[in-house]
């Protein structure tokens, strides 16, 4: 949130957002998605990103399981690894910018999760 007064711009962020930033960011690192979900249960920002990270982690596990399928499994795993890696990097960037970014498709699934 940016506040402008008399030509000067100052940045003022919600304390809840500041408190949950670190936990939300590390949540996008694979199995660490459980960190914000368990340690910041009352932080909406950390929970929002933690749920999206959980969906990404489950999809990563599914892609890993598909790797046992000859030929096609390797291709699916490689493509999924790249796509999920990019989504995780974007998620971390959005967390550090203090944004509630909804990942396409993933946010729809994540919004249905109740913990």
N, C-alpha and C. Protein backbone atom coordinates (compact mmCIF):
# COMPACT_ATOMS: atom_id res chain seq x y z
N UNK A 1 0.85 -1.16 0.00
CA UNK A 1 0.00 0.00 0.00
C UNK A 1 0.90 1.23 0.00
N UNK A 2 0.64 2.14 -0.89
CA UNK A 2 1.45 3.34 -0.98
C UNK A 2 0.59 4.55 -0.61
N UNK A 3 1.12 5.38 0.25
CA UNK A 3 0.41 6.57 0.69
C UNK A 3 1.18 7.79 0.21
N UNK A 4 0.49 8.72 -0.45
CA UNK A 4 1.14 9.91 -0.96
C UNK A 4 0.63 11.13 -0.19
N UNK A 5 1.56 11.90 0.38
CA UNK A 5 1.20 13.13 1.09
C UNK A 5 2.15 14.24 0.69
N UNK A 6 1.60 15.32 0.19
CA UNK A 6 2.39 16.49 -0.20
C UNK A 6 3.54 16.15 -1.14
N UNK A 7 3.29 15.28 -2.13
CA UNK A 7 4.31 14.95 -3.11
C UNK A 7 5.29 13.89 -2.64
N UNK A 8 5.24 13.51 -1.38
CA UNK A 8 6.14 12.47 -0.88
C UNK A 8 5.38 11.15 -0.85
N UNK A 9 6.08 10.07 -1.17
CA UNK A 9 5.48 8.76 -1.15
C UNK A 9 6.15 7.93 -0.08
N UNK A 10 5.34 7.38 0.79
CA UNK A 10 5.90 6.51 1.82
C UNK A 10 5.18 5.17 1.75
N UNK A 11 5.90 4.13 2.06
CA UNK A 11 5.34 2.79 2.00
C UNK A 11 4.96 2.34 3.41
N UNK A 12 3.72 1.93 3.55
CA UNK A 12 3.25 1.48 4.85
C UNK A 12 2.53 0.15 4.64
N UNK A 13 3.02 -0.89 5.31
CA UNK A 13 2.42 -2.20 5.11
C UNK A 13 1.75 -2.70 6.38
N UNK A 14 0.76 -3.52 6.17
CA UNK A 14 0.02 -4.16 7.24
C UNK A 14 0.96 -5.01 8.10
N UNK A 15 0.89 -4.89 9.43
CA UNK A 15 1.77 -5.69 10.29
C UNK A 15 1.56 -7.19 10.13
N UNK A 16 0.32 -7.61 9.84
CA UNK A 16 0.05 -9.04 9.62
C UNK A 16 0.80 -9.53 8.38
N UNK A 17 0.81 -8.70 7.35
CA UNK A 17 1.51 -9.04 6.12
C UNK A 17 3.02 -9.14 6.39
N UNK A 18 3.57 -8.19 7.10
CA UNK A 18 5.00 -8.19 7.44
C UNK A 18 5.35 -9.42 8.26
N UNK A 19 4.49 -9.78 9.21
CA UNK A 19 4.73 -10.92 10.08
C UNK A 19 4.71 -12.24 9.31
N UNK A 20 3.88 -12.34 8.28
CA UNK A 20 3.73 -13.59 7.55
C UNK A 20 4.60 -13.72 6.31
N UNK A 21 5.29 -12.65 5.93
CA UNK A 21 6.07 -12.67 4.69
C UNK A 21 7.11 -13.78 4.63
N UNK A 22 7.94 -13.89 5.65
CA UNK A 22 9.01 -14.89 5.66
C UNK A 22 8.42 -16.30 5.55
N UNK A 23 7.39 -16.58 6.35
CA UNK A 23 6.80 -17.90 6.37
C UNK A 23 6.11 -18.23 5.04
N UNK A 24 5.45 -17.24 4.47
CA UNK A 24 4.78 -17.44 3.18
C UNK A 24 5.81 -17.71 2.08
N UNK A 25 6.94 -17.01 2.12
CA UNK A 25 7.97 -17.19 1.09
C UNK A 25 8.59 -18.58 1.16
N UNK A 26 8.96 -19.03 2.36
CA UNK A 26 9.59 -20.36 2.44
C UNK A 26 8.59 -21.47 2.17
N UNK A 27 7.31 -21.16 2.29
CA UNK A 27 6.28 -22.15 2.00
C UNK A 27 6.31 -22.62 0.55
N UNK A 28 6.81 -21.81 -0.33
CA UNK A 28 6.87 -22.19 -1.75
C UNK A 28 8.04 -23.12 -2.06
N UNK A 29 8.82 -23.48 -1.05
CA UNK A 29 9.95 -24.38 -1.25
C UNK A 29 9.54 -25.82 -0.90
N UNK A 30 8.83 -26.45 -1.80
CA UNK A 30 8.42 -27.85 -1.73
C UNK A 30 7.73 -28.23 -0.42
N UNK A 31 8.30 -29.15 0.33
CA UNK A 31 7.66 -29.68 1.54
C UNK A 31 7.55 -28.63 2.65
N UNK A 32 8.27 -27.54 2.52
CA UNK A 32 8.19 -26.47 3.52
C UNK A 32 6.85 -25.74 3.48
N UNK A 33 5.95 -26.16 2.59
CA UNK A 33 4.61 -25.56 2.53
C UNK A 33 3.87 -25.75 3.85
N UNK A 34 4.28 -26.73 4.64
CA UNK A 34 3.62 -26.98 5.92
C UNK A 34 4.04 -25.99 6.99
N UNK A 35 5.14 -25.27 6.78
CA UNK A 35 5.62 -24.30 7.77
C UNK A 35 4.62 -23.17 7.99
N UNK A 36 4.20 -22.44 6.94
CA UNK A 36 3.23 -21.38 7.19
C UNK A 36 1.86 -21.92 7.62
N UNK A 37 1.52 -23.10 7.14
CA UNK A 37 0.21 -23.67 7.48
C UNK A 37 0.12 -24.07 8.95
N UNK A 38 1.25 -24.45 9.53
CA UNK A 38 1.22 -24.89 10.93
C UNK A 38 1.68 -23.81 11.91
N UNK A 39 2.62 -22.95 11.50
CA UNK A 39 3.15 -21.96 12.43
C UNK A 39 2.42 -20.61 12.41
N UNK A 40 1.73 -20.31 11.35
CA UNK A 40 1.04 -19.02 11.21
C UNK A 40 -0.45 -19.24 10.91
N UNK A 41 -1.11 -19.97 11.79
CA UNK A 41 -2.53 -20.31 11.57
C UNK A 41 -3.45 -19.10 11.59
N UNK A 42 -3.07 -18.03 12.27
CA UNK A 42 -3.93 -16.85 12.36
C UNK A 42 -3.51 -15.73 11.41
N UNK A 43 -2.59 -16.02 10.51
CA UNK A 43 -2.10 -15.02 9.57
C UNK A 43 -2.69 -15.31 8.19
N UNK A 44 -3.60 -14.47 7.73
CA UNK A 44 -4.29 -14.69 6.46
C UNK A 44 -3.32 -14.71 5.28
N UNK A 45 -2.32 -13.85 5.31
CA UNK A 45 -1.35 -13.77 4.21
C UNK A 45 -0.55 -15.07 4.11
N UNK A 46 -0.02 -15.55 5.23
CA UNK A 46 0.76 -16.78 5.23
C UNK A 46 -0.11 -17.98 4.87
N UNK A 47 -1.35 -18.01 5.36
CA UNK A 47 -2.26 -19.12 5.05
C UNK A 47 -2.62 -19.14 3.57
N UNK A 48 -2.89 -17.97 3.01
CA UNK A 48 -3.23 -17.87 1.59
C UNK A 48 -2.13 -18.47 0.72
N UNK A 49 -0.90 -18.03 0.95
CA UNK A 49 0.21 -18.52 0.14
C UNK A 49 0.59 -19.96 0.53
N UNK A 50 0.43 -20.31 1.79
CA UNK A 50 0.72 -21.67 2.22
C UNK A 50 -0.19 -22.69 1.56
N UNK A 51 -1.46 -22.35 1.40
CA UNK A 51 -2.41 -23.25 0.73
C UNK A 51 -2.06 -23.42 -0.75
N UNK A 52 -1.69 -22.33 -1.40
CA UNK A 52 -1.27 -22.45 -2.80
C UNK A 52 -0.01 -23.30 -2.91
N UNK A 53 0.92 -23.11 -1.98
CA UNK A 53 2.16 -23.89 -1.99
C UNK A 53 1.86 -25.36 -1.73
N UNK A 54 0.87 -25.65 -0.89
CA UNK A 54 0.48 -27.04 -0.62
C UNK A 54 -0.05 -27.70 -1.89
N UNK A 55 -0.87 -26.99 -2.64
CA UNK A 55 -1.39 -27.54 -3.91
C UNK A 55 -0.23 -27.79 -4.88
N UNK A 56 0.70 -26.85 -4.97
CA UNK A 56 1.88 -27.06 -5.82
C UNK A 56 2.66 -28.29 -5.39
N UNK A 57 2.85 -28.46 -4.08
CA UNK A 57 3.59 -29.61 -3.56
C UNK A 57 2.89 -30.92 -3.92
N UNK A 58 1.57 -30.97 -3.78
CA UNK A 58 0.82 -32.18 -4.13
C UNK A 58 0.95 -32.48 -5.62
N UNK A 59 0.90 -31.45 -6.44
CA UNK A 59 1.07 -31.65 -7.88
C UNK A 59 2.49 -32.11 -8.21
N UNK A 60 3.48 -31.61 -7.47
CA UNK A 60 4.86 -32.07 -7.66
C UNK A 60 4.98 -33.55 -7.31
N UNK A 61 4.32 -33.97 -6.23
CA UNK A 61 4.34 -35.39 -5.86
C UNK A 61 3.67 -36.24 -6.94
N UNK A 62 2.56 -35.76 -7.48
CA UNK A 62 1.87 -36.49 -8.54
C UNK A 62 2.75 -36.63 -9.77
N UNK A 63 3.46 -35.56 -10.12
CA UNK A 63 4.37 -35.62 -11.28
C UNK A 63 5.52 -36.59 -11.01
N UNK A 64 5.98 -36.65 -9.78
CA UNK A 64 7.05 -37.58 -9.42
C UNK A 64 6.58 -39.02 -9.54
N UNK A 65 5.35 -39.27 -9.13
CA UNK A 65 4.80 -40.63 -9.24
C UNK A 65 4.64 -41.03 -10.69
N UNK A 66 4.25 -40.08 -11.54
CA UNK A 66 4.09 -40.37 -12.97
C UNK A 66 5.42 -40.66 -13.66
N UNK A 67 6.52 -40.35 -13.00
CA UNK A 67 7.83 -40.56 -13.59
C UNK A 67 8.10 -42.05 -13.85
N UNK A 68 7.40 -42.93 -13.17
CA UNK A 68 7.61 -44.37 -13.36
C UNK A 68 7.07 -44.86 -14.71
N UNK A 69 6.20 -44.07 -15.33
CA UNK A 69 5.68 -44.43 -16.65
C UNK A 69 6.81 -44.27 -17.67
N UNK A 70 7.13 -45.32 -18.42
CA UNK A 70 8.24 -45.24 -19.37
C UNK A 70 8.05 -44.12 -20.41
N UNK A 71 9.11 -43.42 -20.71
CA UNK A 71 9.20 -42.35 -21.72
C UNK A 71 8.29 -41.15 -21.42
N UNK A 72 7.00 -41.36 -21.44
CA UNK A 72 6.06 -40.27 -21.23
C UNK A 72 6.18 -39.70 -19.81
N UNK A 73 6.44 -40.55 -18.84
CA UNK A 73 6.58 -40.12 -17.45
C UNK A 73 7.73 -39.14 -17.27
N UNK A 74 8.85 -39.41 -17.94
CA UNK A 74 10.00 -38.49 -17.85
C UNK A 74 9.67 -37.13 -18.44
N UNK A 75 8.97 -37.12 -19.55
CA UNK A 75 8.58 -35.87 -20.19
C UNK A 75 7.62 -35.07 -19.29
N UNK A 76 6.62 -35.75 -18.76
CA UNK A 76 5.66 -35.09 -17.88
C UNK A 76 6.37 -34.53 -16.65
N UNK A 77 7.26 -35.31 -16.06
CA UNK A 77 7.98 -34.86 -14.87
C UNK A 77 8.83 -33.64 -15.18
N UNK A 78 9.53 -33.65 -16.29
CA UNK A 78 10.40 -32.53 -16.65
C UNK A 78 9.60 -31.25 -16.87
N UNK A 79 8.52 -31.35 -17.62
CA UNK A 79 7.68 -30.18 -17.89
C UNK A 79 7.06 -29.67 -16.58
N UNK A 80 6.56 -30.59 -15.75
CA UNK A 80 5.95 -30.21 -14.48
C UNK A 80 6.98 -29.56 -13.56
N UNK A 81 8.19 -30.11 -13.53
CA UNK A 81 9.25 -29.56 -12.69
C UNK A 81 9.54 -28.11 -13.08
N UNK A 82 9.62 -27.84 -14.37
CA UNK A 82 9.89 -26.48 -14.85
C UNK A 82 8.71 -25.54 -14.54
N UNK A 83 7.49 -25.98 -14.85
CA UNK A 83 6.31 -25.14 -14.63
C UNK A 83 6.12 -24.84 -13.15
N UNK A 84 6.20 -25.87 -12.30
CA UNK A 84 6.01 -25.66 -10.87
C UNK A 84 7.15 -24.85 -10.26
N UNK A 85 8.34 -25.02 -10.80
CA UNK A 85 9.47 -24.21 -10.33
C UNK A 85 9.27 -22.73 -10.64
N UNK A 86 8.80 -22.45 -11.85
CA UNK A 86 8.53 -21.07 -12.24
C UNK A 86 7.41 -20.48 -11.39
N UNK A 87 6.34 -21.26 -11.18
CA UNK A 87 5.23 -20.77 -10.35
C UNK A 87 5.70 -20.51 -8.92
N UNK A 88 6.58 -21.35 -8.40
CA UNK A 88 7.10 -21.14 -7.04
C UNK A 88 7.94 -19.87 -6.98
N UNK A 89 8.76 -19.63 -7.98
CA UNK A 89 9.57 -18.41 -8.00
C UNK A 89 8.70 -17.16 -8.10
N UNK A 90 7.67 -17.23 -8.93
CA UNK A 90 6.75 -16.09 -9.02
C UNK A 90 6.03 -15.90 -7.69
N UNK A 91 5.62 -17.01 -7.06
CA UNK A 91 4.96 -16.93 -5.77
C UNK A 91 5.84 -16.27 -4.72
N UNK A 92 7.10 -16.65 -4.66
CA UNK A 92 8.04 -16.06 -3.71
C UNK A 92 8.19 -14.57 -3.99
N UNK A 93 8.31 -14.21 -5.26
CA UNK A 93 8.44 -12.80 -5.64
C UNK A 93 7.22 -12.00 -5.20
N UNK A 94 6.03 -12.56 -5.44
CA UNK A 94 4.79 -11.87 -5.07
C UNK A 94 4.68 -11.74 -3.55
N UNK A 95 5.12 -12.75 -2.82
CA UNK A 95 5.11 -12.67 -1.35
C UNK A 95 6.01 -11.53 -0.89
N UNK A 96 7.21 -11.47 -1.43
CA UNK A 96 8.15 -10.43 -1.02
C UNK A 96 7.66 -9.03 -1.39
N UNK A 97 6.81 -8.95 -2.42
CA UNK A 97 6.20 -7.68 -2.81
C UNK A 97 4.94 -7.39 -1.98
N UNK A 98 4.52 -8.36 -1.17
CA UNK A 98 3.36 -8.17 -0.31
C UNK A 98 2.03 -8.31 -1.01
N UNK A 99 1.98 -9.14 -2.05
CA UNK A 99 0.76 -9.29 -2.84
C UNK A 99 0.06 -10.62 -2.57
N UNK A 100 -1.26 -10.58 -2.60
CA UNK A 100 -2.08 -11.80 -2.57
C UNK A 100 -2.29 -12.22 -4.03
N UNK A 101 -1.33 -12.91 -4.62
CA UNK A 101 -1.43 -13.29 -6.03
C UNK A 101 -2.09 -14.65 -6.16
N UNK A 102 -3.15 -14.69 -6.94
CA UNK A 102 -3.86 -15.95 -7.17
C UNK A 102 -3.29 -16.63 -8.40
N UNK A 103 -2.68 -17.79 -8.19
CA UNK A 103 -2.14 -18.56 -9.31
C UNK A 103 -3.30 -19.13 -10.11
N UNK A 104 -3.18 -19.10 -11.43
CA UNK A 104 -4.25 -19.66 -12.25
C UNK A 104 -4.50 -21.13 -11.88
N UNK A 105 -5.72 -21.54 -11.79
CA UNK A 105 -6.20 -22.89 -11.47
C UNK A 105 -5.83 -23.30 -10.04
N UNK A 106 -4.60 -23.11 -9.64
CA UNK A 106 -4.13 -23.53 -8.33
C UNK A 106 -4.85 -22.79 -7.22
N UNK A 107 -5.10 -21.51 -7.39
CA UNK A 107 -5.78 -20.73 -6.35
C UNK A 107 -7.22 -21.20 -6.16
N UNK A 108 -7.85 -21.67 -7.23
CA UNK A 108 -9.21 -22.20 -7.11
C UNK A 108 -9.25 -23.44 -6.22
N UNK A 109 -8.27 -24.30 -6.41
CA UNK A 109 -8.17 -25.51 -5.60
C UNK A 109 -7.80 -25.16 -4.17
N UNK A 110 -6.84 -24.25 -4.02
CA UNK A 110 -6.34 -23.86 -2.70
C UNK A 110 -7.43 -23.20 -1.86
N UNK A 111 -8.33 -22.45 -2.51
CA UNK A 111 -9.38 -21.75 -1.77
C UNK A 111 -10.38 -22.72 -1.14
N UNK A 112 -10.41 -23.94 -1.64
CA UNK A 112 -11.34 -24.96 -1.11
C UNK A 112 -10.74 -25.71 0.08
N UNK A 113 -9.48 -25.49 0.36
CA UNK A 113 -8.81 -26.18 1.47
C UNK A 113 -9.15 -25.45 2.77
N UNK A 114 -9.59 -26.23 3.75
CA UNK A 114 -9.82 -25.65 5.08
C UNK A 114 -8.99 -26.42 6.09
N UNK A 115 -8.22 -25.68 6.86
CA UNK A 115 -7.35 -26.32 7.85
C UNK A 115 -7.71 -25.87 9.24
